[in-house]
Amino acid sequence: MFNKLTNFGYRRDKKEAVGFYVSYLVFIILLGAVIQGILSNLSLLTFELWSRLVRLFTTAITSFLVYKLLKEKKLLKNLNFLSFGLLSILLALSGWALIGLLIPAYFTTRKKES
């Protein structure tokens, strides 16, 4: 279920796609907690700053995942998948990381285009 998480060209079944989703969601949550801990120790943390930083990191991670998945599966020239990728990034940017990561998890179930 949690095998080959960094192999973006690997075709996953539904169970493995759920594992991919959960692992990257936990990674984003832990990254947000670490950032919060560092900034609160430096007494620089305000809620507005924390929410902006978490959105920034969530968007960066989602953008990276979408790009790597589309590149490895050779789907960058497909307008439908590119549109879904941009939707995923916009969802992550607006604070919907839970939904924004569903699209890259779906991309992992697709086969490579030739």
PDB file of N, CA and C in Angstrom:
ATOM      1  N   MET A   1       0.824  -1.197   0.000  1.00  0.00           N
ATOM      2  CA  MET A   1       0.000   0.000   0.000  1.00  0.00           C
ATOM      3  C   MET A   1       0.870   1.264   0.000  1.00  0.00           C
ATOM      4  N   PHE A   2       1.970   1.236   0.722  1.00  0.00           N
ATOM      5  CA  PHE A   2       2.846   2.397   0.799  1.00  0.00           C
ATOM      6  C   PHE A   2       4.152   2.169   0.050  1.00  0.00           C
ATOM      7  N   ASN A   3       4.136   1.289  -0.934  1.00  0.00           N
ATOM      8  CA  ASN A   3       5.336   1.001  -1.714  1.00  0.00           C
ATOM      9  C   ASN A   3       5.476   1.993  -2.856  1.00  0.00           C
ATOM     10  N   LYS A   4       6.704   2.258  -3.230  1.00  0.00           N
ATOM     11  CA  LYS A   4       7.037   3.064  -4.413  1.00  0.00           C
ATOM     12  C   LYS A   4       6.351   4.433  -4.400  1.00  0.00           C
ATOM     13  N   LEU A   5       6.407   5.119  -3.265  1.00  0.00           N
ATOM     14  CA  LEU A   5       5.740   6.419  -3.152  1.00  0.00           C
ATOM     15  C   LEU A   5       6.422   7.501  -3.977  1.00  0.00           C
ATOM     16  N   THR A   6       7.710   7.340  -4.247  1.00  0.00           N
ATOM     17  CA  THR A   6       8.420   8.352  -5.027  1.00  0.00           C
ATOM     18  C   THR A   6       8.613   7.934  -6.479  1.00  0.00           C
ATOM     19  N   ASN A   7       8.095   6.784  -6.860  1.00  0.00           N
ATOM     20  CA  ASN A   7       8.136   6.352  -8.253  1.00  0.00           C
ATOM     21  C   ASN A   7       6.857   6.858  -8.918  1.00  0.00           C
ATOM     22  N   PHE A   8       6.951   7.989  -9.589  1.00  0.00           N
ATOM     23  CA  PHE A   8       5.761   8.642 -10.121  1.00  0.00           C
ATOM     24  C   PHE A   8       5.276   8.031 -11.427  1.00  0.00           C
ATOM     25  N   GLY A   9       6.067   7.182 -12.044  1.00  0.00           N
ATOM     26  CA  GLY A   9       5.647   6.517 -13.267  1.00  0.00           C
ATOM     27  C   GLY A   9       4.945   5.201 -13.015  1.00  0.00           C
ATOM     28  N   TYR A  10       4.940   4.757 -11.767  1.00  0.00           N
ATOM     29  CA  TYR A  10       4.345   3.474 -11.392  1.00  0.00           C
ATOM     30  C   TYR A  10       2.821   3.574 -11.424  1.00  0.00           C
ATOM     31  N   ARG A  11       2.179   2.568 -12.011  1.00  0.00           N
ATOM     32  CA  ARG A  11       0.713   2.543 -12.051  1.00  0.00           C
ATOM     33  C   ARG A  11       0.192   1.846 -10.799  1.00  0.00           C
ATOM     34  N   ARG A  12      -0.597   2.551 -10.014  1.00  0.00           N
ATOM     35  CA  ARG A  12      -1.115   2.026  -8.757  1.00  0.00           C
ATOM     36  C   ARG A  12      -2.554   1.550  -8.930  1.00  0.00           C
ATOM     37  N   ASP A  13      -2.928   0.578  -8.084  1.00  0.00           N
ATOM     38  CA  ASP A  13      -4.336   0.208  -8.028  1.00  0.00           C
ATOM     39  C   ASP A  13      -5.017   1.129  -7.010  1.00  0.00           C
ATOM     40  N   LYS A  14      -6.294   0.904  -6.746  1.00  0.00           N
ATOM     41  CA  LYS A  14      -7.039   1.802  -5.856  1.00  0.00           C
ATOM     42  C   LYS A  14      -6.462   1.821  -4.448  1.00  0.00           C
ATOM     43  N   LYS A  15      -6.084   0.659  -3.947  1.00  0.00           N
ATOM     44  CA  LYS A  15      -5.538   0.572  -2.593  1.00  0.00           C
ATOM     45  C   LYS A  15      -4.218   1.338  -2.494  1.00  0.00           C
ATOM     46  N   GLU A  16      -3.376   1.194  -3.490  1.00  0.00           N
ATOM     47  CA  GLU A  16      -2.099   1.904  -3.485  1.00  0.00           C
ATOM     48  C   GLU A  16      -2.291   3.405  -3.671  1.00  0.00           C
ATOM     49  N   ALA A  17      -3.305   3.805  -4.437  1.00  0.00           N
ATOM     50  CA  ALA A  17      -3.599   5.233  -4.616  1.00  0.00           C
ATOM     51  C   ALA A  17      -4.058   5.856  -3.295  1.00  0.00           C
ATOM     52  N   VAL A  18      -4.820   5.107  -2.512  1.00  0.00           N
ATOM     53  CA  VAL A  18      -5.229   5.591  -1.186  1.00  0.00           C
ATOM     54  C   VAL A  18      -4.000   5.748  -0.295  1.00  0.00           C
ATOM     55  N   GLY A  19      -3.085   4.795  -0.367  1.00  0.00           N
ATOM     56  CA  GLY A  19      -1.839   4.896   0.394  1.00  0.00           C
ATOM     57  C   GLY A  19      -1.015   6.103  -0.023  1.00  0.00           C
ATOM     58  N   PHE A  20      -0.951   6.376  -1.317  1.00  0.00           N
ATOM     59  CA  PHE A  20      -0.257   7.553  -1.840  1.00  0.00           C
ATOM     60  C   PHE A  20      -0.887   8.825  -1.281  1.00  0.00           C
ATOM     61  N   TYR A  21      -2.214   8.900  -1.324  1.00  0.00           N
ATOM     62  CA  TYR A  21      -2.948  10.065  -0.829  1.00  0.00           C
ATOM     63  C   TYR A  21      -2.693  10.284   0.663  1.00  0.00           C
ATOM     64  N   VAL A  22      -2.838   9.216   1.442  1.00  0.00           N
ATOM     65  CA  VAL A  22      -2.682   9.325   2.896  1.00  0.00           C
ATOM     66  C   VAL A  22      -1.254   9.724   3.260  1.00  0.00           C
ATOM     67  N   SER A  23      -0.274   9.122   2.605  1.00  0.00           N
ATOM     68  CA  SER A  23       1.116   9.412   2.962  1.00  0.00           C
ATOM     69  C   SER A  23       1.486  10.863   2.660  1.00  0.00           C
ATOM     70  N   TYR A  24       1.077  11.382   1.511  1.00  0.00           N
ATOM     71  CA  TYR A  24       1.403  12.776   1.208  1.00  0.00           C
ATOM     72  C   TYR A  24       0.563  13.744   2.035  1.00  0.00           C
ATOM     73  N   LEU A  25      -0.643  13.377   2.409  1.00  0.00           N
ATOM     74  CA  LEU A  25      -1.442  14.221   3.290  1.00  0.00           C
ATOM     75  C   LEU A  25      -0.800  14.307   4.675  1.00  0.00           C
ATOM     76  N   VAL A  26      -0.343  13.171   5.194  1.00  0.00           N
ATOM     77  CA  VAL A  26       0.338  13.162   6.491  1.00  0.00           C
ATOM     78  C   VAL A  26       1.629  13.974   6.408  1.00  0.00           C
ATOM     79  N   PHE A  27       2.345  13.864   5.289  1.00  0.00           N
ATOM     80  CA  PHE A  27       3.571  14.645   5.100  1.00  0.00           C
ATOM     81  C   PHE A  27       3.279  16.138   5.168  1.00  0.00           C
ATOM     82  N   ILE A  28       2.218  16.583   4.517  1.00  0.00           N
ATOM     83  CA  ILE A  28       1.865  18.007   4.530  1.00  0.00           C
ATOM     84  C   ILE A  28       1.463  18.449   5.935  1.00  0.00           C
ATOM     85  N   ILE A  29       0.720  17.610   6.643  1.00  0.00           N
ATOM     86  CA  ILE A  29       0.306  17.951   8.010  1.00  0.00           C
ATOM     87  C   ILE A  29       1.517  18.050   8.928  1.00  0.00           C
ATOM     88  N   LEU A  30       2.441  17.095   8.807  1.00  0.00           N
ATOM     89  CA  LEU A  30       3.646  17.132   9.640  1.00  0.00           C
ATOM     90  C   LEU A  30       4.523  18.334   9.299  1.00  0.00           C
ATOM     91  N   LEU A  31       4.624  18.665   8.032  1.00  0.00           N
ATOM     92  CA  LEU A  31       5.396  19.837   7.633  1.00  0.00           C
ATOM     93  C   LEU A  31       4.785  21.108   8.221  1.00  0.00           C
ATOM     94  N   GLY A  32       3.466  21.205   8.205  1.00  0.00           N
ATOM     95  CA  GLY A  32       2.795  22.352   8.811  1.00  0.00           C
ATOM     96  C   GLY A  32       3.032  22.430  10.311  1.00  0.00           C
ATOM     97  N   ALA A  33       3.053  21.271  10.969  1.00  0.00           N
ATOM     98  CA  ALA A  33       3.300  21.251  12.413  1.00  0.00           C
ATOM     99  C   ALA A  33       4.733  21.680  12.733  1.00  0.00           C
ATOM    100  N   VAL A  34       5.683  21.246  11.921  1.00  0.00           N
ATOM    101  CA  VAL A  34       7.082  21.643  12.134  1.00  0.00           C
ATOM    102  C   VAL A  34       7.245  23.147  11.936  1.00  0.00           C
ATOM    103  N   ILE A  35       6.641  23.675  10.891  1.00  0.00           N
ATOM    104  CA  ILE A  35       6.713  25.120  10.643  1.00  0.00           C
ATOM    105  C   ILE A  35       6.080  25.886  11.797  1.00  0.00           C
ATOM    106  N   GLN A  36       4.952  25.397  12.270  1.00  0.00           N
ATOM    107  CA  GLN A  36       4.280  26.049  13.391  1.00  0.00           C
ATOM    108  C   GLN A  36       5.158  26.012  14.637  1.00  0.00           C
ATOM    109  N   GLY A  37       5.793  24.889  14.893  1.00  0.00           N
ATOM    110  CA  GLY A  37       6.662  24.778  16.060  1.00  0.00           C
ATOM    111  C   GLY A  37       7.848  25.715  16.000  1.00  0.00           C
ATOM    112  N   ILE A  38       8.478  25.801  14.840  1.00  0.00           N
ATOM    113  CA  ILE A  38       9.640  26.684  14.686  1.00  0.00           C
ATOM    114  C   ILE A  38       9.233  28.142  14.855  1.00  0.00           C
ATOM    115  N   LEU A  39       8.163  28.541  14.195  1.00  0.00           N
ATOM    116  CA  LEU A  39       7.746  29.944  14.274  1.00  0.00           C
ATOM    117  C   LEU A  39       7.214  30.321  15.652  1.00  0.00           C
ATOM    118  N   SER A  40       6.576  29.388  16.339  1.00  0.00           N
ATOM    119  CA  SER A  40       6.076  29.725  17.678  1.00  0.00           C
ATOM    120  C   SER A  40       7.231  29.852  18.668  1.00  0.00           C
ATOM    121  N   ASN A  41       8.305  29.086  18.476  1.00  0.00           N
ATOM    122  CA  ASN A  41       9.478  29.238  19.339  1.00  0.00           C
ATOM    123  C   ASN A  41      10.194  30.560  19.089  1.00  0.00           C
ATOM    124  N   LEU A  42      10.111  31.065  17.887  1.00  0.00           N
ATOM    125  CA  LEU A  42      10.732  32.347  17.559  1.00  0.00           C
ATOM    126  C   LEU A  42       9.804  33.522  17.853  1.00  0.00           C
ATOM    127  N   SER A  43       8.617  33.243  18.362  1.00  0.00           N
ATOM    128  CA  SER A  43       7.595  34.253  18.676  1.00  0.00           C
ATOM    129  C   SER A  43       7.218  35.081  17.454  1.00  0.00           C
ATOM    130  N   LEU A  44       7.236  34.447  16.296  1.00  0.00           N
ATOM    131  CA  LEU A  44       6.871  35.129  15.059  1.00  0.00           C
ATOM    132  C   LEU A  44       5.527  34.673  14.521  1.00  0.00           C
ATOM    133  N   LEU A  45       4.870  33.793  15.244  1.00  0.00           N
ATOM    134  CA  LEU A  45       3.693  33.135  14.693  1.00  0.00           C
ATOM    135  C   LEU A  45       2.421  33.925  14.959  1.00  0.00           C
ATOM    136  N   THR A  46       1.765  34.279  13.886  1.00  0.00           N
ATOM    137  CA  THR A  46       0.402  34.778  13.962  1.00  0.00           C
ATOM    138  C   THR A  46      -0.442  33.817  13.135  1.00  0.00           C
ATOM    139  N   PHE A  47      -1.724  33.812  13.376  1.00  0.00           N
ATOM    140  CA  PHE A  47      -2.577  32.880  12.641  1.00  0.00           C
ATOM    141  C   PHE A  47      -2.545  33.164  11.150  1.00  0.00           C
ATOM    142  N   GLU A  48      -2.529  34.434  10.793  1.00  0.00           N
ATOM    143  CA  GLU A  48      -2.510  34.800   9.378  1.00  0.00           C
ATOM    144  C   GLU A  48      -1.225  34.319   8.702  1.00  0.00           C
ATOM    145  N   LEU A  49      -0.092  34.510   9.360  1.00  0.00           N
ATOM    146  CA  LEU A  49       1.183  34.053   8.801  1.00  0.00           C
ATOM    147  C   LEU A  49       1.211  32.537   8.686  1.00  0.00           C
ATOM    148  N   TRP A  50       0.743  31.851   9.718  1.00  0.00           N
ATOM    149  CA  TRP A  50       0.742  30.388   9.702  1.00  0.00           C
ATOM    150  C   TRP A  50      -0.133  29.856   8.575  1.00  0.00           C
ATOM    151  N   SER A  51      -1.321  30.424   8.406  1.00  0.00           N
ATOM    152  CA  SER A  51      -2.212  29.928   7.354  1.00  0.00           C
ATOM    153  C   SER A  51      -1.640  30.207   5.967  1.00  0.00           C
ATOM    154  N   ARG A  52      -0.986  31.334   5.790  1.00  0.00           N
ATOM    155  CA  ARG A  52      -0.368  31.628   4.489  1.00  0.00           C
ATOM    156  C   ARG A  52       0.789  30.677   4.190  1.00  0.00           C
ATOM    157  N   LEU A  53       1.610  30.413   5.191  1.00  0.00           N
ATOM    158  CA  LEU A  53       2.741  29.507   4.979  1.00  0.00           C
ATOM    159  C   LEU A  53       2.285  28.085   4.687  1.00  0.00           C
ATOM    160  N   VAL A  54       1.277  27.633   5.397  1.00  0.00           N
ATOM    161  CA  VAL A  54       0.769  26.280   5.147  1.00  0.00           C
ATOM    162  C   VAL A  54       0.181  26.197   3.745  1.00  0.00           C
ATOM    163  N   ARG A  55      -0.553  27.209   3.330  1.00  0.00           N
ATOM    164  CA  ARG A  55      -1.087  27.227   1.962  1.00  0.00           C
ATOM    165  C   ARG A  55       0.032  27.242   0.925  1.00  0.00           C
ATOM    166  N   LEU A  56       1.083  27.988   1.208  1.00  0.00           N
ATOM    167  CA  LEU A  56       2.220  28.060   0.293  1.00  0.00           C
ATOM    168  C   LEU A  56       2.892  26.696   0.142  1.00  0.00           C
ATOM    169  N   PHE A  57       3.173  26.035   1.260  1.00  0.00           N
ATOM    170  CA  PHE A  57       3.820  24.729   1.194  1.00  0.00           C
ATOM    171  C   PHE A  57       2.903  23.671   0.594  1.00  0.00           C
ATOM    172  N   THR A  58       1.630  23.726   0.917  1.00  0.00           N
ATOM    173  CA  THR A  58       0.676  22.777   0.334  1.00  0.00           C
ATOM    174  C   THR A  58       0.601  22.948  -1.176  1.00  0.00           C
ATOM    175  N   THR A  59       0.564  24.182  -1.628  1.00  0.00           N
ATOM    176  CA  THR A  59       0.523  24.445  -3.064  1.00  0.00           C
ATOM    177  C   THR A  59       1.806  23.991  -3.743  1.00  0.00           C
ATOM    178  N   ALA A  60       2.945  24.236  -3.110  1.00  0.00           N
ATOM    179  CA  ALA A  60       4.225  23.823  -3.694  1.00  0.00           C
ATOM    180  C   ALA A  60       4.315  22.302  -3.805  1.00  0.00           C
ATOM    181  N   ILE A  61       3.912  21.596  -2.768  1.00  0.00           N
ATOM    182  CA  ILE A  61       3.977  20.132  -2.793  1.00  0.00           C
ATOM    183  C   ILE A  61       3.000  19.577  -3.817  1.00  0.00           C
ATOM    184  N   THR A  62       1.790  20.114  -3.866  1.00  0.00           N
ATOM    185  CA  THR A  62       0.807  19.649  -4.845  1.00  0.00           C
ATOM    186  C   THR A  62       1.273  19.936  -6.268  1.00  0.00           C
ATOM    187  N   SER A  63       1.852  21.110  -6.494  1.00  0.00           N
ATOM    188  CA  SER A  63       2.370  21.445  -7.826  1.00  0.00           C
ATOM    189  C   SER A  63       3.471  20.480  -8.236  1.00  0.00           C
ATOM    190  N   PHE A  64       4.358  20.177  -7.302  1.00  0.00           N
ATOM    191  CA  PHE A  64       5.436  19.230  -7.580  1.00  0.00           C
ATOM    192  C   PHE A  64       4.878  17.855  -7.929  1.00  0.00           C
ATOM    193  N   LEU A  65       3.913  17.384  -7.149  1.00  0.00           N
ATOM    194  CA  LEU A  65       3.332  16.063  -7.404  1.00  0.00           C
ATOM    195  C   LEU A  65       2.631  16.015  -8.757  1.00  0.00           C
ATOM    196  N   VAL A  66       1.847  17.040  -9.063  1.00  0.00           N
ATOM    197  CA  VAL A  66       1.127  17.072 -10.340  1.00  0.00           C
ATOM    198  C   VAL A  66       2.115  17.077 -11.499  1.00  0.00           C
ATOM    199  N   TYR A  67       3.133  17.920 -11.414  1.00  0.00           N
ATOM    200  CA  TYR A  67       4.113  17.999 -12.501  1.00  0.00           C
ATOM    201  C   TYR A  67       4.849  16.677 -12.688  1.00  0.00           C
ATOM    202  N   LYS A  68       5.336  16.103 -11.591  1.00  0.00           N
ATOM    203  CA  LYS A  68       6.089  14.846 -11.702  1.00  0.00           C
ATOM    204  C   LYS A  68       5.213  13.721 -12.241  1.00  0.00           C
ATOM    205  N   LEU A  69       3.973  13.640 -11.789  1.00  0.00           N
ATOM    206  CA  LEU A  69       3.085  12.581 -12.266  1.00  0.00           C
ATOM    207  C   LEU A  69       2.761  12.748 -13.744  1.00  0.00           C
ATOM    208  N   LEU A  70       2.439  13.960 -14.155  1.00  0.00           N
ATOM    209  CA  LEU A  70       2.120  14.184 -15.565  1.00  0.00           C
ATOM    210  C   LEU A  70       3.343  13.976 -16.455  1.00  0.00           C
ATOM    211  N   LYS A  71       4.508  14.352 -15.964  1.00  0.00           N
ATOM    212  CA  LYS A  71       5.730  14.178 -16.748  1.00  0.00           C
ATOM    213  C   LYS A  71       6.091  12.704 -16.878  1.00  0.00           C
ATOM    214  N   GLU A  72       6.067  11.976 -15.774  1.00  0.00           N
ATOM    215  CA  GLU A  72       6.451  10.562 -15.791  1.00  0.00           C
ATOM    216  C   GLU A  72       5.470   9.714 -16.591  1.00  0.00           C
ATOM    217  N   LYS A  73       4.209  10.090 -16.575  1.00  0.00           N
ATOM    218  CA  LYS A  73       3.197   9.321 -17.309  1.00  0.00           C
ATOM    219  C   LYS A  73       2.974   9.862 -18.720  1.00  0.00           C
ATOM    220  N   LYS A  74       3.780  10.860 -19.089  1.00  0.00           N
ATOM    221  CA  LYS A  74       3.745  11.458 -20.432  1.00  0.00           C
ATOM    222  C   LYS A  74       2.356  11.998 -20.781  1.00  0.00           C
ATOM    223  N   LEU A  75       1.770  12.703 -19.818  1.00  0.00           N
ATOM    224  CA  LEU A  75       0.437  13.275 -20.001  1.00  0.00           C
ATOM    225  C   LEU A  75       0.460  14.800 -20.068  1.00  0.00           C
ATOM    226  N   LEU A  76       1.653  15.396 -20.182  1.00  0.00           N
ATOM    227  CA  LEU A  76       1.753  16.856 -20.196  1.00  0.00           C
ATOM    228  C   LEU A  76       1.117  17.482 -21.432  1.00  0.00           C
ATOM    229  N   LYS A  77       0.994  16.740 -22.514  1.00  0.00           N
ATOM    230  CA  LYS A  77       0.408  17.285 -23.740  1.00  0.00           C
ATOM    231  C   LYS A  77      -1.102  17.070 -23.808  1.00  0.00           C
ATOM    232  N   ASN A  78      -1.650  16.355 -22.839  1.00  0.00           N
ATOM    233  CA  ASN A  78      -3.083  16.087 -22.802  1.00  0.00           C
ATOM    234  C   ASN A  78      -3.774  17.225 -22.046  1.00  0.00           C
ATOM    235  N   LEU A  79      -4.616  17.961 -22.735  1.00  0.00           N
ATOM    236  CA  LEU A  79      -5.250  19.142 -22.148  1.00  0.00           C
ATOM    237  C   LEU A  79      -6.180  18.790 -20.984  1.00  0.00           C
ATOM    238  N   ASN A  80      -6.852  17.645 -21.049  1.00  0.00           N
ATOM    239  CA  ASN A  80      -7.749  17.251 -19.960  1.00  0.00           C
ATOM    240  C   ASN A  80      -6.977  17.036 -18.664  1.00  0.00           C
ATOM    241  N   PHE A  81      -5.879  16.303 -18.730  1.00  0.00           N
ATOM    242  CA  PHE A  81      -5.101  16.042 -17.524  1.00  0.00           C
ATOM    243  C   PHE A  81      -4.407  17.306 -17.030  1.00  0.00           C
ATOM    244  N   LEU A  82      -3.982  18.160 -17.953  1.00  0.00           N
ATOM    245  CA  LEU A  82      -3.378  19.429 -17.565  1.00  0.00           C
ATOM    246  C   LEU A  82      -4.396  20.304 -16.833  1.00  0.00           C
ATOM    247  N   SER A  83      -5.641  20.304 -17.300  1.00  0.00           N
ATOM    248  CA  SER A  83      -6.700  21.081 -16.644  1.00  0.00           C
ATOM    249  C   SER A  83      -6.980  20.553 -15.242  1.00  0.00           C
ATOM    250  N   PHE A  84      -7.026  19.233 -15.106  1.00  0.00           N
ATOM    251  CA  PHE A  84      -7.233  18.659 -13.776  1.00  0.00           C
ATOM    252  C   PHE A  84      -6.059  18.958 -12.855  1.00  0.00           C
ATOM    253  N   GLY A  85      -4.866  18.962 -13.410  1.00  0.00           N
ATOM    254  CA  GLY A  85      -3.690  19.309 -12.618  1.00  0.00           C
ATOM    255  C   GLY A  85      -3.752  20.737 -12.117  1.00  0.00           C
ATOM    256  N   LEU A  86      -4.150  21.660 -12.983  1.00  0.00           N
ATOM    257  CA  LEU A  86      -4.294  23.056 -12.569  1.00  0.00           C
ATOM    258  C   LEU A  86      -5.409  23.218 -11.538  1.00  0.00           C
ATOM    259  N   LEU A  87      -6.487  22.462 -11.695  1.00  0.00           N
ATOM    260  CA  LEU A  87      -7.563  22.490 -10.704  1.00  0.00           C
ATOM    261  C   LEU A  87      -7.052  22.018  -9.344  1.00  0.00           C
ATOM    262  N   SER A  88      -6.237  20.989  -9.351  1.00  0.00           N
ATOM    263  CA  SER A  88      -5.656  20.481  -8.113  1.00  0.00           C
ATOM    264  C   SER A  88      -4.796  21.540  -7.434  1.00  0.00           C
ATOM    265  N   ILE A  89      -3.994  22.241  -8.220  1.00  0.00           N
ATOM    266  CA  ILE A  89      -3.139  23.291  -7.668  1.00  0.00           C
ATOM    267  C   ILE A  89      -3.986  24.441  -7.123  1.00  0.00           C
ATOM    268  N   LEU A  90      -5.040  24.815  -7.838  1.00  0.00           N
ATOM    269  CA  LEU A  90      -5.919  25.886  -7.359  1.00  0.00           C
ATOM    270  C   LEU A  90      -6.643  25.493  -6.075  1.00  0.00           C
ATOM    271  N   LEU A  91      -7.045  24.230  -5.975  1.00  0.00           N
ATOM    272  CA  LEU A  91      -7.686  23.764  -4.741  1.00  0.00           C
ATOM    273  C   LEU A  91      -6.710  23.814  -3.572  1.00  0.00           C
ATOM    274  N   ALA A  92      -5.471  23.422  -3.820  1.00  0.00           N
ATOM    275  CA  ALA A  92      -4.466  23.487  -2.758  1.00  0.00           C
ATOM    276  C   ALA A  92      -4.192  24.936  -2.367  1.00  0.00           C
ATOM    277  N   LEU A  93      -4.167  25.827  -3.343  1.00  0.00           N
ATOM    278  CA  LEU A  93      -3.916  27.238  -3.074  1.00  0.00           C
ATOM    279  C   LEU A  93      -5.039  27.865  -2.258  1.00  0.00           C
ATOM    280  N   SER A  94      -6.259  27.421  -2.489  1.00  0.00           N
ATOM    281  CA  SER A  94      -7.390  27.989  -1.753  1.00  0.00           C
ATOM    282  C   SER A  94      -7.589  27.335  -0.390  1.00  0.00           C
ATOM    283  N   GLY A  95      -6.724  26.412  -0.026  1.00  0.00           N
ATOM    284  CA  GLY A  95      -6.799  25.813   1.299  1.00  0.00           C
ATOM    285  C   GLY A  95      -7.481  24.464   1.345  1.00  0.00           C
ATOM    286  N   TRP A  96      -7.821  23.906   0.217  1.00  0.00           N
ATOM    287  CA  TRP A  96      -8.500  22.619   0.164  1.00  0.00           C
ATOM    288  C   TRP A  96      -7.514  21.496  -0.157  1.00  0.00           C
ATOM    289  N   ALA A  97      -6.513  21.323   0.673  1.00  0.00           N
ATOM    290  CA  ALA A  97      -5.483  20.312   0.415  1.00  0.00           C
ATOM    291  C   ALA A  97      -6.070  18.906   0.422  1.00  0.00           C
ATOM    292  N   LEU A  98      -7.099  18.689   1.227  1.00  0.00           N
ATOM    293  CA  LEU A  98      -7.721  17.360   1.264  1.00  0.00           C
ATOM    294  C   LEU A  98      -8.269  16.961  -0.097  1.00  0.00           C
ATOM    295  N   ILE A  99      -8.897  17.903  -0.775  1.00  0.00           N
ATOM    296  CA  ILE A  99      -9.465  17.619  -2.094  1.00  0.00           C
ATOM    297  C   ILE A  99      -8.404  17.777  -3.174  1.00  0.00           C
ATOM    298  N   GLY A 100      -7.502  18.727  -2.995  1.00  0.00           N
ATOM    299  CA  GLY A 100      -6.465  18.970  -3.982  1.00  0.00           C
ATOM    300  C   GLY A 100      -5.539  17.787  -4.194  1.00  0.00           C
ATOM    301  N   LEU A 101      -5.358  16.957  -3.179  1.00  0.00           N
ATOM    302  CA  LEU A 101      -4.499  15.778  -3.316  1.00  0.00           C
ATOM    303  C   LEU A 101      -5.222  14.586  -3.927  1.00  0.00           C
ATOM    304  N   LEU A 102      -6.536  14.660  -4.039  1.00  0.00           N
ATOM    305  CA  LEU A 102      -7.273  13.553  -4.662  1.00  0.00           C
ATOM    306  C   LEU A 102      -6.938  13.417  -6.142  1.00  0.00           C
ATOM    307  N   ILE A 103      -6.743  14.533  -6.809  1.00  0.00           N
ATOM    308  CA  ILE A 103      -6.467  14.497  -8.246  1.00  0.00           C
ATOM    309  C   ILE A 103      -5.109  13.859  -8.534  1.00  0.00           C
ATOM    310  N   PRO A 104      -4.016  14.242  -7.831  1.00  0.00           N
ATOM    311  CA  PRO A 104      -2.768  13.506  -8.057  1.00  0.00           C
ATOM    312  C   PRO A 104      -2.876  12.024  -7.694  1.00  0.00           C
ATOM    313  N   ALA A 105      -3.670  11.692  -6.684  1.00  0.00           N
ATOM    314  CA  ALA A 105      -3.861  10.276  -6.350  1.00  0.00           C
ATOM    315  C   ALA A 105      -4.556   9.552  -7.497  1.00  0.00           C
ATOM    316  N   TYR A 106      -5.488  10.226  -8.156  1.00  0.00           N
ATOM    317  CA  TYR A 106      -6.132   9.635  -9.330  1.00  0.00           C
ATOM    318  C   TYR A 106      -5.132   9.476 -10.473  1.00  0.00           C
ATOM    319  N   PHE A 107      -4.272  10.471 -10.656  1.00  0.00           N
ATOM    320  CA  PHE A 107      -3.266  10.382 -11.722  1.00  0.00           C
ATOM    321  C   PHE A 107      -2.379   9.152 -11.557  1.00  0.00           C
ATOM    322  N   THR A 108      -2.154   8.718 -10.321  1.00  0.00           N
ATOM    323  CA  THR A 108      -1.283   7.554 -10.110  1.00  0.00           C
ATOM    324  C   THR A 108      -1.906   6.267 -10.624  1.00  0.00           C
ATOM    325  N   THR A 109      -3.222   6.257 -10.831  1.00  0.00           N
ATOM    326  CA  THR A 109      -3.880   5.040 -11.324  1.00  0.00           C
ATOM    327  C   THR A 109      -3.873   4.959 -12.844  1.00  0.00           C
ATOM    328  N   ARG A 110      -3.433   6.014 -13.504  1.00  0.00           N
ATOM    329  CA  ARG A 110      -3.408   6.046 -14.965  1.00  0.00           C
ATOM    330  C   ARG A 110      -2.153   5.358 -15.487  1.00  0.00           C
ATOM    331  N   LYS A 111      -2.274   4.761 -16.660  1.00  0.00           N
ATOM    332  CA  LYS A 111      -1.095   4.134 -17.261  1.00  0.00           C
ATOM    333  C   LYS A 111      -0.318   5.172 -18.057  1.00  0.00           C
ATOM    334  N   LYS A 112       0.930   4.836 -18.336  1.00  0.00           N
ATOM    335  CA  LYS A 112       1.772   5.726 -19.137  1.00  0.00           C
ATOM    336  C   LYS A 112       1.269   5.775 -20.564  1.00  0.00           C
ATOM    337  N   GLU A 113       1.264   6.970 -21.115  1.00  0.00           N
ATOM    338  CA  GLU A 113       0.933   7.120 -22.534  1.00  0.00           C
ATOM    339  C   GLU A 113       2.184   6.812 -23.338  1.00  0.00           C
ATOM    340  N   SER A 114       1.981   6.282 -24.514  1.00  0.00           N
ATOM    341  CA  SER A 114       3.157   5.961 -25.330  1.00  0.00           C
ATOM    342  C   SER A 114       3.403   6.976 -26.410  1.00  0.00           C
TER     343      SER A 114
END
